Amino acid sequence: MSTHLVQIIFGWPAILVSLSQCIAGLISKKVLPVVLGALVFVPISWFLSAYPPVHGLWPILPFFLLGAAYALHRKKIILAWLLILPAIVFSAWLAVLILAQ
């Protein structure tokens, strides 16, 4: 049971829920879903910060998502979309890396 809980907290379900919640918040122009998505992304980025090739980049990804929430609050929609892109790109890169193994 505990391994399933770890996989849910740190695995693909959490990554997909976090990113989809952020995107849904940006589409609906609501700040709260983006903030909640950023909070869900914190354990993921903390867990992946130990991965050697990008160990310095993963911890700052939740701050990009929080910046997107702030930009959305300030009605800067394009900036909010640009700030969410690093999390999407690194998650896609991780998916390609895992599928290539």
PDB file of N, CA and C in Angstrom:
ATOM      1  N   MET A   1       0.812  -1.198   0.000  1.00  0.00           N
ATOM      2  CA  MET A   1       0.000   0.000   0.000  1.00  0.00           C
ATOM      3  C   MET A   1       0.851   1.256   0.000  1.00  0.00           C
ATOM      4  N   SER A   2       1.948   1.238   0.746  1.00  0.00           N
ATOM      5  CA  SER A   2       2.776   2.440   0.845  1.00  0.00           C
ATOM      6  C   SER A   2       3.474   2.762  -0.474  1.00  0.00           C
ATOM      7  N   THR A   3       3.831   1.738  -1.253  1.00  0.00           N
ATOM      8  CA  THR A   3       4.470   2.026  -2.537  1.00  0.00           C
ATOM      9  C   THR A   3       3.485   2.682  -3.502  1.00  0.00           C
ATOM     10  N   HIS A   4       2.231   2.303  -3.429  1.00  0.00           N
ATOM     11  CA  HIS A   4       1.223   2.943  -4.279  1.00  0.00           C
ATOM     12  C   HIS A   4       1.026   4.398  -3.878  1.00  0.00           C
ATOM     13  N   LEU A   5       1.071   4.660  -2.588  1.00  0.00           N
ATOM     14  CA  LEU A   5       0.926   6.030  -2.117  1.00  0.00           C
ATOM     15  C   LEU A   5       2.089   6.898  -2.583  1.00  0.00           C
ATOM     16  N   VAL A   6       3.300   6.367  -2.547  1.00  0.00           N
ATOM     17  CA  VAL A   6       4.474   7.100  -3.019  1.00  0.00           C
ATOM     18  C   VAL A   6       4.367   7.358  -4.514  1.00  0.00           C
ATOM     19  N   GLN A   7       3.898   6.377  -5.269  1.00  0.00           N
ATOM     20  CA  GLN A   7       3.748   6.564  -6.707  1.00  0.00           C
ATOM     21  C   GLN A   7       2.704   7.620  -7.031  1.00  0.00           C
ATOM     22  N   ILE A   8       1.652   7.688  -6.238  1.00  0.00           N
ATOM     23  CA  ILE A   8       0.622   8.702  -6.482  1.00  0.00           C
ATOM     24  C   ILE A   8       1.148  10.081  -6.128  1.00  0.00           C
ATOM     25  N   ILE A   9       1.877  10.185  -5.015  1.00  0.00           N
ATOM     26  CA  ILE A   9       2.365  11.492  -4.579  1.00  0.00           C
ATOM     27  C   ILE A   9       3.463  12.010  -5.490  1.00  0.00           C
ATOM     28  N   PHE A  10       4.391  11.152  -5.880  1.00  0.00           N
ATOM     29  CA  PHE A  10       5.550  11.585  -6.646  1.00  0.00           C
ATOM     30  C   PHE A  10       5.519  11.180  -8.106  1.00  0.00           C
ATOM     31  N   GLY A  11       4.530  10.437  -8.527  1.00  0.00           N
ATOM     32  CA  GLY A  11       4.556   9.862  -9.863  1.00  0.00           C
ATOM     33  C   GLY A  11       3.749  10.613 -10.890  1.00  0.00           C
ATOM     34  N   TRP A  12       3.454   9.898 -11.964  1.00  0.00           N
ATOM     35  CA  TRP A  12       2.764  10.496 -13.096  1.00  0.00           C
ATOM     36  C   TRP A  12       1.364  10.981 -12.782  1.00  0.00           C
ATOM     37  N   PRO A  13       0.610  10.295 -11.903  1.00  0.00           N
ATOM     38  CA  PRO A  13      -0.708  10.871 -11.590  1.00  0.00           C
ATOM     39  C   PRO A  13      -0.610  12.277 -11.009  1.00  0.00           C
ATOM     40  N   ALA A  14       0.342  12.506 -10.138  1.00  0.00           N
ATOM     41  CA  ALA A  14       0.504  13.838  -9.544  1.00  0.00           C
ATOM     42  C   ALA A  14       0.978  14.850 -10.581  1.00  0.00           C
ATOM     43  N   ILE A  15       1.874  14.440 -11.460  1.00  0.00           N
ATOM     44  CA  ILE A  15       2.362  15.352 -12.499  1.00  0.00           C
ATOM     45  C   ILE A  15       1.209  15.751 -13.429  1.00  0.00           C
ATOM     46  N   LEU A  16       0.440  14.772 -13.851  1.00  0.00           N
ATOM     47  CA  LEU A  16      -0.668  15.058 -14.761  1.00  0.00           C
ATOM     48  C   LEU A  16      -1.764  15.883 -14.090  1.00  0.00           C
ATOM     49  N   VAL A  17      -2.073  15.589 -12.831  1.00  0.00           N
ATOM     50  CA  VAL A  17      -3.084  16.364 -12.118  1.00  0.00           C
ATOM     51  C   VAL A  17      -2.609  17.799 -11.943  1.00  0.00           C
ATOM     52  N   SER A  18      -1.358  17.970 -11.571  1.00  0.00           N
ATOM     53  CA  SER A  18      -0.820  19.307 -11.345  1.00  0.00           C
ATOM     54  C   SER A  18      -0.849  20.146 -12.615  1.00  0.00           C
ATOM     55  N   LEU A  19      -0.324  19.598 -13.696  1.00  0.00           N
ATOM     56  CA  LEU A  19      -0.274  20.364 -14.942  1.00  0.00           C
ATOM     57  C   LEU A  19      -1.669  20.611 -15.519  1.00  0.00           C
ATOM     58  N   SER A  20      -2.543  19.614 -15.430  1.00  0.00           N
ATOM     59  CA  SER A  20      -3.894  19.829 -15.957  1.00  0.00           C
ATOM     60  C   SER A  20      -4.664  20.839 -15.114  1.00  0.00           C
ATOM     61  N   GLN A  21      -4.405  20.855 -13.817  1.00  0.00           N
ATOM     62  CA  GLN A  21      -5.054  21.844 -12.970  1.00  0.00           C
ATOM     63  C   GLN A  21      -4.555  23.252 -13.284  1.00  0.00           C
ATOM     64  N   CYS A  22      -3.259  23.384 -13.523  1.00  0.00           N
ATOM     65  CA  CYS A  22      -2.708  24.693 -13.897  1.00  0.00           C
ATOM     66  C   CYS A  22      -3.259  25.167 -15.242  1.00  0.00           C
ATOM     67  N   ILE A  23      -3.326  24.268 -16.196  1.00  0.00           N
ATOM     68  CA  ILE A  23      -3.845  24.635 -17.517  1.00  0.00           C
ATOM     69  C   ILE A  23      -5.326  24.986 -17.429  1.00  0.00           C
ATOM     70  N   ALA A  24      -6.091  24.214 -16.650  1.00  0.00           N
ATOM     71  CA  ALA A  24      -7.511  24.526 -16.482  1.00  0.00           C
ATOM     72  C   ALA A  24      -7.699  25.882 -15.811  1.00  0.00           C
ATOM     73  N   GLY A  25      -6.834  26.202 -14.851  1.00  0.00           N
ATOM     74  CA  GLY A  25      -6.904  27.508 -14.209  1.00  0.00           C
ATOM     75  C   GLY A  25      -6.586  28.634 -15.171  1.00  0.00           C
ATOM     76  N   LEU A  26      -5.624  28.415 -16.052  1.00  0.00           N
ATOM     77  CA  LEU A  26      -5.290  29.454 -17.031  1.00  0.00           C
ATOM     78  C   LEU A  26      -6.401  29.627 -18.064  1.00  0.00           C
ATOM     79  N   ILE A  27      -6.997  28.527 -18.469  1.00  0.00           N
ATOM     80  CA  ILE A  27      -8.079  28.622 -19.441  1.00  0.00           C
ATOM     81  C   ILE A  27      -9.289  29.334 -18.836  1.00  0.00           C
ATOM     82  N   SER A  28      -9.609  29.002 -17.586  1.00  0.00           N
ATOM     83  CA  SER A  28     -10.764  29.635 -16.940  1.00  0.00           C
ATOM     84  C   SER A  28     -10.432  30.983 -16.307  1.00  0.00           C
ATOM     85  N   LYS A  29      -9.152  31.351 -16.343  1.00  0.00           N
ATOM     86  CA  LYS A  29      -8.665  32.623 -15.797  1.00  0.00           C
ATOM     87  C   LYS A  29      -8.944  32.747 -14.303  1.00  0.00           C
ATOM     88  N   LYS A  30      -8.733  31.620 -13.582  1.00  0.00           N
ATOM     89  CA  LYS A  30      -8.889  31.600 -12.128  1.00  0.00           C
ATOM     90  C   LYS A  30      -7.542  31.279 -11.497  1.00  0.00           C
ATOM     91  N   VAL A  31      -7.211  32.019 -10.467  1.00  0.00           N
ATOM     92  CA  VAL A  31      -5.889  31.906  -9.851  1.00  0.00           C
ATOM     93  C   VAL A  31      -5.785  30.675  -8.954  1.00  0.00           C
ATOM     94  N   LEU A  32      -6.840  30.352  -8.218  1.00  0.00           N
ATOM     95  CA  LEU A  32      -6.777  29.274  -7.230  1.00  0.00           C
ATOM     96  C   LEU A  32      -6.363  27.920  -7.814  1.00  0.00           C
ATOM     97  N   PRO A  33      -6.906  27.473  -8.950  1.00  0.00           N
ATOM     98  CA  PRO A  33      -6.442  26.192  -9.493  1.00  0.00           C
ATOM     99  C   PRO A  33      -4.954  26.193  -9.861  1.00  0.00           C
ATOM    100  N   VAL A  34      -4.442  27.325 -10.308  1.00  0.00           N
ATOM    101  CA  VAL A  34      -3.020  27.398 -10.655  1.00  0.00           C
ATOM    102  C   VAL A  34      -2.167  27.296  -9.387  1.00  0.00           C
ATOM    103  N   VAL A  35      -2.587  27.943  -8.327  1.00  0.00           N
ATOM    104  CA  VAL A  35      -1.854  27.867  -7.056  1.00  0.00           C
ATOM    105  C   VAL A  35      -1.903  26.445  -6.503  1.00  0.00           C
ATOM    106  N   LEU A  36      -3.067  25.810  -6.562  1.00  0.00           N
ATOM    107  CA  LEU A  36      -3.176  24.429  -6.087  1.00  0.00           C
ATOM    108  C   LEU A  36      -2.335  23.475  -6.941  1.00  0.00           C
ATOM    109  N   GLY A  37      -2.304  23.717  -8.236  1.00  0.00           N
ATOM    110  CA  GLY A  37      -1.448  22.909  -9.104  1.00  0.00           C
ATOM    111  C   GLY A  37       0.026  23.083  -8.769  1.00  0.00           C
ATOM    112  N   ALA A  38       0.414  24.297  -8.428  1.00  0.00           N
ATOM    113  CA  ALA A  38       1.798  24.546  -8.025  1.00  0.00           C
ATOM    114  C   ALA A  38       2.112  23.832  -6.721  1.00  0.00           C
ATOM    115  N   LEU A  39       1.173  23.816  -5.794  1.00  0.00           N
ATOM    116  CA  LEU A  39       1.397  23.129  -4.519  1.00  0.00           C
ATOM    117  C   LEU A  39       1.481  21.614  -4.702  1.00  0.00           C
ATOM    118  N   VAL A  40       0.704  21.079  -5.642  1.00  0.00           N
ATOM    119  CA  VAL A  40       0.795  19.647  -5.937  1.00  0.00           C
ATOM    120  C   VAL A  40       2.134  19.326  -6.592  1.00  0.00           C
ATOM    121  N   PHE A  41       2.695  20.275  -7.315  1.00  0.00           N
ATOM    122  CA  PHE A  41       3.959  20.060  -8.023  1.00  0.00           C
ATOM    123  C   PHE A  41       5.181  20.127  -7.098  1.00  0.00           C
ATOM    124  N   VAL A  42       5.026  20.650  -5.890  1.00  0.00           N
ATOM    125  CA  VAL A  42       6.166  20.786  -4.966  1.00  0.00           C
ATOM    126  C   VAL A  42       6.791  19.438  -4.608  1.00  0.00           C
ATOM    127  N   PRO A  43       6.022  18.410  -4.169  1.00  0.00           N
ATOM    128  CA  PRO A  43       6.684  17.136  -3.846  1.00  0.00           C
ATOM    129  C   PRO A  43       7.345  16.477  -5.057  1.00  0.00           C
ATOM    130  N   ILE A  44       6.753  16.675  -6.228  1.00  0.00           N
ATOM    131  CA  ILE A  44       7.328  16.109  -7.454  1.00  0.00           C
ATOM    132  C   ILE A  44       8.691  16.728  -7.717  1.00  0.00           C
ATOM    133  N   SER A  45       8.744  18.038  -7.649  1.00  0.00           N
ATOM    134  CA  SER A  45      10.011  18.717  -7.935  1.00  0.00           C
ATOM    135  C   SER A  45      11.042  18.426  -6.857  1.00  0.00           C
ATOM    136  N   TRP A  46      10.599  18.268  -5.623  1.00  0.00           N
ATOM    137  CA  TRP A  46      11.530  17.923  -4.549  1.00  0.00           C
ATOM    138  C   TRP A  46      12.100  16.528  -4.784  1.00  0.00           C
ATOM    139  N   PHE A  47      11.266  15.588  -5.191  1.00  0.00           N
ATOM    140  CA  PHE A  47      11.712  14.227  -5.447  1.00  0.00           C
ATOM    141  C   PHE A  47      12.660  14.171  -6.644  1.00  0.00           C
ATOM    142  N   LEU A  48      12.357  14.915  -7.702  1.00  0.00           N
ATOM    143  CA  LEU A  48      13.180  14.881  -8.910  1.00  0.00           C
ATOM    144  C   LEU A  48      14.426  15.761  -8.813  1.00  0.00           C
ATOM    145  N   SER A  49      14.558  16.523  -7.739  1.00  0.00           N
ATOM    146  CA  SER A  49      15.745  17.362  -7.600  1.00  0.00           C
ATOM    147  C   SER A  49      16.995  16.531  -7.358  1.00  0.00           C
ATOM    148  N   ALA A  50      16.840  15.271  -7.005  1.00  0.00           N
ATOM    149  CA  ALA A  50      17.994  14.398  -6.810  1.00  0.00           C
ATOM    150  C   ALA A  50      18.490  13.787  -8.124  1.00  0.00           C
ATOM    151  N   TYR A  51      17.761  14.006  -9.214  1.00  0.00           N
ATOM    152  CA  TYR A  51      18.150  13.451 -10.505  1.00  0.00           C
ATOM    153  C   TYR A  51      19.314  14.267 -11.053  1.00  0.00           C
ATOM    154  N   PRO A  52      20.480  13.648 -11.279  1.00  0.00           N
ATOM    155  CA  PRO A  52      21.710  14.405 -11.567  1.00  0.00           C
ATOM    156  C   PRO A  52      21.704  15.351 -12.771  1.00  0.00           C
ATOM    157  N   PRO A  53      21.171  15.003 -13.946  1.00  0.00           N
ATOM    158  CA  PRO A  53      21.321  15.940 -15.066  1.00  0.00           C
ATOM    159  C   PRO A  53      20.674  17.303 -14.857  1.00  0.00           C
ATOM    160  N   VAL A  54      19.604  17.353 -14.134  1.00  0.00           N
ATOM    161  CA  VAL A  54      18.913  18.639 -13.963  1.00  0.00           C
ATOM    162  C   VAL A  54      18.592  18.901 -12.496  1.00  0.00           C
ATOM    163  N   HIS A  55      19.478  18.517 -11.613  1.00  0.00           N
ATOM    164  CA  HIS A  55      19.167  18.628 -10.188  1.00  0.00           C
ATOM    165  C   HIS A  55      18.964  20.071  -9.742  1.00  0.00           C
ATOM    166  N   GLY A  56      19.487  21.031 -10.456  1.00  0.00           N
ATOM    167  CA  GLY A  56      19.300  22.422 -10.070  1.00  0.00           C
ATOM    168  C   GLY A  56      18.038  23.051 -10.619  1.00  0.00           C
ATOM    169  N   LEU A  57      17.403  22.421 -11.606  1.00  0.00           N
ATOM    170  CA  LEU A  57      16.243  23.032 -12.257  1.00  0.00           C
ATOM    171  C   LEU A  57      14.902  22.603 -11.669  1.00  0.00           C
ATOM    172  N   TRP A  58      14.798  21.384 -11.207  1.00  0.00           N
ATOM    173  CA  TRP A  58      13.516  20.891 -10.716  1.00  0.00           C
ATOM    174  C   TRP A  58      12.974  21.678  -9.529  1.00  0.00           C
ATOM    175  N   PRO A  59      13.788  22.085  -8.566  1.00  0.00           N
ATOM    176  CA  PRO A  59      13.209  22.796  -7.409  1.00  0.00           C
ATOM    177  C   PRO A  59      12.597  24.146  -7.745  1.00  0.00           C
ATOM    178  N   ILE A  60      12.970  24.756  -8.855  1.00  0.00           N
ATOM    179  CA  ILE A  60      12.416  26.081  -9.160  1.00  0.00           C
ATOM    180  C   ILE A  60      11.135  26.012  -9.992  1.00  0.00           C
ATOM    181  N   LEU A  61      10.751  24.835 -10.459  1.00  0.00           N
ATOM    182  CA  LEU A  61       9.549  24.733 -11.291  1.00  0.00           C
ATOM    183  C   LEU A  61       8.268  25.156 -10.569  1.00  0.00           C
ATOM    184  N   PRO A  62       8.075  24.828  -9.293  1.00  0.00           N
ATOM    185  CA  PRO A  62       6.859  25.342  -8.629  1.00  0.00           C
ATOM    186  C   PRO A  62       6.820  26.867  -8.563  1.00  0.00           C
ATOM    187  N   PHE A  63       7.983  27.501  -8.513  1.00  0.00           N
ATOM    188  CA  PHE A  63       8.009  28.963  -8.497  1.00  0.00           C
ATOM    189  C   PHE A  63       7.561  29.539  -9.842  1.00  0.00           C
ATOM    190  N   PHE A  64       7.871  28.845 -10.920  1.00  0.00           N
ATOM    191  CA  PHE A  64       7.348  29.257 -12.227  1.00  0.00           C
ATOM    192  C   PHE A  64       5.818  29.183 -12.229  1.00  0.00           C
ATOM    193  N   LEU A  65       5.281  28.114 -11.648  1.00  0.00           N
ATOM    194  CA  LEU A  65       3.830  27.959 -11.610  1.00  0.00           C
ATOM    195  C   LEU A  65       3.192  29.014 -10.711  1.00  0.00           C
ATOM    196  N   LEU A  66       3.842  29.320  -9.590  1.00  0.00           N
ATOM    197  CA  LEU A  66       3.333  30.393  -8.730  1.00  0.00           C
ATOM    198  C   LEU A  66       3.435  31.748  -9.435  1.00  0.00           C
ATOM    199  N   GLY A  67       4.491  31.930 -10.219  1.00  0.00           N
ATOM    200  CA  GLY A  67       4.613  33.148 -11.019  1.00  0.00           C
ATOM    201  C   GLY A  67       3.516  33.241 -12.061  1.00  0.00           C
ATOM    202  N   ALA A  68       3.117  32.101 -12.606  1.00  0.00           N
ATOM    203  CA  ALA A  68       1.996  32.091 -13.554  1.00  0.00           C
ATOM    204  C   ALA A  68       0.702  32.493 -12.857  1.00  0.00           C
ATOM    205  N   ALA A  69       0.527  32.044 -11.616  1.00  0.00           N
ATOM    206  CA  ALA A  69      -0.660  32.441 -10.861  1.00  0.00           C
ATOM    207  C   ALA A  69      -0.642  33.943 -10.583  1.00  0.00           C
ATOM    208  N   TYR A  70       0.519  34.473 -10.246  1.00  0.00           N
ATOM    209  CA  TYR A  70       0.628  35.913  -9.993  1.00  0.00           C
ATOM    210  C   TYR A  70       0.374  36.717 -11.276  1.00  0.00           C
ATOM    211  N   ALA A  71       0.936  36.242 -12.378  1.00  0.00           N
ATOM    212  CA  ALA A  71       0.702  36.926 -13.659  1.00  0.00           C
ATOM    213  C   ALA A  71      -0.775  36.860 -14.046  1.00  0.00           C
ATOM    214  N   LEU A  72      -1.421  35.754 -13.760  1.00  0.00           N
ATOM    215  CA  LEU A  72      -2.844  35.634 -14.034  1.00  0.00           C
ATOM    216  C   LEU A  72      -3.641  36.596 -13.155  1.00  0.00           C
ATOM    217  N   HIS A  73      -3.217  36.740 -11.917  1.00  0.00           N
ATOM    218  CA  HIS A  73      -3.867  37.692 -11.013  1.00  0.00           C
ATOM    219  C   HIS A  73      -3.729  39.123 -11.531  1.00  0.00           C
ATOM    220  N   ARG A  74      -2.588  39.423 -12.140  1.00  0.00           N
ATOM    221  CA  ARG A  74      -2.340  40.753 -12.696  1.00  0.00           C
ATOM    222  C   ARG A  74      -2.882  40.904 -14.115  1.00  0.00           C
ATOM    223  N   LYS A  75      -3.632  39.899 -14.590  1.00  0.00           N
ATOM    224  CA  LYS A  75      -4.263  39.915 -15.922  1.00  0.00           C
ATOM    225  C   LYS A  75      -3.253  39.903 -17.062  1.00  0.00           C
ATOM    226  N   LYS A  76      -2.107  39.297 -16.839  1.00  0.00           N
ATOM    227  CA  LYS A  76      -1.088  39.132 -17.875  1.00  0.00           C
ATOM    228  C   LYS A  76      -1.146  37.667 -18.345  1.00  0.00           C
ATOM    229  N   ILE A  77      -2.085  37.391 -19.213  1.00  0.00           N
ATOM    230  CA  ILE A  77      -2.394  36.020 -19.619  1.00  0.00           C
ATOM    231  C   ILE A  77      -1.241  35.384 -20.397  1.00  0.00           C
ATOM    232  N   ILE A  78      -0.668  36.122 -21.319  1.00  0.00           N
ATOM    233  CA  ILE A  78       0.419  35.563 -22.134  1.00  0.00           C
ATOM    234  C   ILE A  78       1.632  35.247 -21.261  1.00  0.00           C
ATOM    235  N   LEU A  79       1.956  36.111 -20.325  1.00  0.00           N
ATOM    236  CA  LEU A  79       3.064  35.843 -19.407  1.00  0.00           C
ATOM    237  C   LEU A  79       2.771  34.621 -18.545  1.00  0.00           C
ATOM    238  N   ALA A  80       1.532  34.461 -18.130  1.00  0.00           N
ATOM    239  CA  ALA A  80       1.159  33.281 -17.339  1.00  0.00           C
ATOM    240  C   ALA A  80       1.361  31.997 -18.144  1.00  0.00           C
ATOM    241  N   TRP A  81       0.972  32.020 -19.415  1.00  0.00           N
ATOM    242  CA  TRP A  81       1.201  30.841 -20.264  1.00  0.00           C
ATOM    243  C   TRP A  81       2.689  30.578 -20.464  1.00  0.00           C
ATOM    244  N   LEU A  82       3.470  31.637 -20.601  1.00  0.00           N
ATOM    245  CA  LEU A  82       4.918  31.454 -20.774  1.00  0.00           C
ATOM    246  C   LEU A  82       5.569  30.908 -19.500  1.00  0.00           C
ATOM    247  N   LEU A  83       5.052  31.283 -18.353  1.00  0.00           N
ATOM    248  CA  LEU A  83       5.624  30.801 -17.100  1.00  0.00           C
ATOM    249  C   LEU A  83       5.252  29.353 -16.799  1.00  0.00           C
ATOM    250  N   ILE A  84       4.192  28.858 -17.395  1.00  0.00           N
ATOM    251  CA  ILE A  84       3.817  27.465 -17.177  1.00  0.00           C
ATOM    252  C   ILE A  84       4.570  26.524 -18.125  1.00  0.00           C
ATOM    253  N   LEU A  85       5.115  27.078 -19.193  1.00  0.00           N
ATOM    254  CA  LEU A  85       5.818  26.249 -20.186  1.00  0.00           C
ATOM    255  C   LEU A  85       7.011  25.467 -19.642  1.00  0.00           C
ATOM    256  N   PRO A  86       7.866  26.015 -18.762  1.00  0.00           N
ATOM    257  CA  PRO A  86       8.988  25.200 -18.275  1.00  0.00           C
ATOM    258  C   PRO A  86       8.543  23.918 -17.576  1.00  0.00           C
ATOM    259  N   ALA A  87       7.479  23.969 -16.800  1.00  0.00           N
ATOM    260  CA  ALA A  87       6.994  22.760 -16.137  1.00  0.00           C
ATOM    261  C   ALA A  87       6.479  21.748 -17.155  1.00  0.00           C
ATOM    262  N   ILE A  88       5.812  22.231 -18.184  1.00  0.00           N
ATOM    263  CA  ILE A  88       5.304  21.337 -19.224  1.00  0.00           C
ATOM    264  C   ILE A  88       6.456  20.725 -20.012  1.00  0.00           C
ATOM    265  N   VAL A  89       7.442  21.546 -20.352  1.00  0.00           N
ATOM    266  CA  VAL A  89       8.584  21.061 -21.138  1.00  0.00           C
ATOM    267  C   VAL A  89       9.396  20.033 -20.351  1.00  0.00           C
ATOM    268  N   PHE A  90       9.682  20.316 -19.088  1.00  0.00           N
ATOM    269  CA  PHE A  90      10.472  19.364 -18.303  1.00  0.00           C
ATOM    270  C   PHE A  90       9.702  18.083 -18.014  1.00  0.00           C
ATOM    271  N   SER A  91       8.388  18.173 -17.851  1.00  0.00           N
ATOM    272  CA  SER A  91       7.595  16.959 -17.658  1.00  0.00           C
ATOM    273  C   SER A  91       7.558  16.127 -18.932  1.00  0.00           C
ATOM    274  N   ALA A  92       7.441  16.789 -20.080  1.00  0.00           N
ATOM    275  CA  ALA A  92       7.472  16.067 -21.358  1.00  0.00           C
ATOM    276  C   ALA A  92       8.846  15.449 -21.591  1.00  0.00           C
ATOM    277  N   TRP A  93       9.901  16.189 -21.223  1.00  0.00           N
ATOM    278  CA  TRP A  93      11.256  15.663 -21.366  1.00  0.00           C
ATOM    279  C   TRP A  93      11.448  14.430 -20.485  1.00  0.00           C
ATOM    280  N   LEU A  94      10.903  14.469 -19.266  1.00  0.00           N
ATOM    281  CA  LEU A  94      10.997  13.321 -18.373  1.00  0.00           C
ATOM    282  C   LEU A  94      10.231  12.135 -18.943  1.00  0.00           C
ATOM    283  N   ALA A  95       9.074  12.387 -19.547  1.00  0.00           N
ATOM    284  CA  ALA A  95       8.299  11.307 -20.157  1.00  0.00           C
ATOM    285  C   ALA A  95       9.062  10.666 -21.310  1.00  0.00           C
ATOM    286  N   VAL A  96       9.665  11.478 -22.145  1.00  0.00           N
ATOM    287  CA  VAL A  96      10.453  10.929 -23.264  1.00  0.00           C
ATOM    288  C   VAL A  96      11.652  10.158 -22.744  1.00  0.00           C
ATOM    289  N   LEU A  97      12.298  10.660 -21.731  1.00  0.00           N
ATOM    290  CA  LEU A  97      13.450   9.981 -21.140  1.00  0.00           C
ATOM    291  C   LEU A  97      13.063   8.634 -20.556  1.00  0.00           C
ATOM    292  N   ILE A  98      11.937   8.564 -19.886  1.00  0.00           N
ATOM    293  CA  ILE A  98      11.498   7.311 -19.293  1.00  0.00           C
ATOM    294  C   ILE A  98      11.032   6.331 -20.374  1.00  0.00           C
ATOM    295  N   LEU A  99      10.319   6.808 -21.373  1.00  0.00           N
ATOM    296  CA  LEU A  99       9.845   5.919 -22.423  1.00  0.00           C
ATOM    297  C   LEU A  99      10.964   5.409 -23.311  1.00  0.00           C
ATOM    298  N   ALA A 100      12.076   6.129 -23.357  1.00  0.00           N
ATOM    299  CA  ALA A 100      13.204   5.706 -24.200  1.00  0.00           C
ATOM    300  C   ALA A 100      14.041   4.621 -23.531  1.00  0.00           C
ATOM    301  N   GLN A 101      13.804   4.336 -22.286  1.00  0.00           N
ATOM    302  CA  GLN A 101      14.597   3.317 -21.589  1.00  0.00           C
ATOM    303  C   GLN A 101      14.207   1.930 -21.984  1.00  0.00           C
TER     304      GLN A 101
END
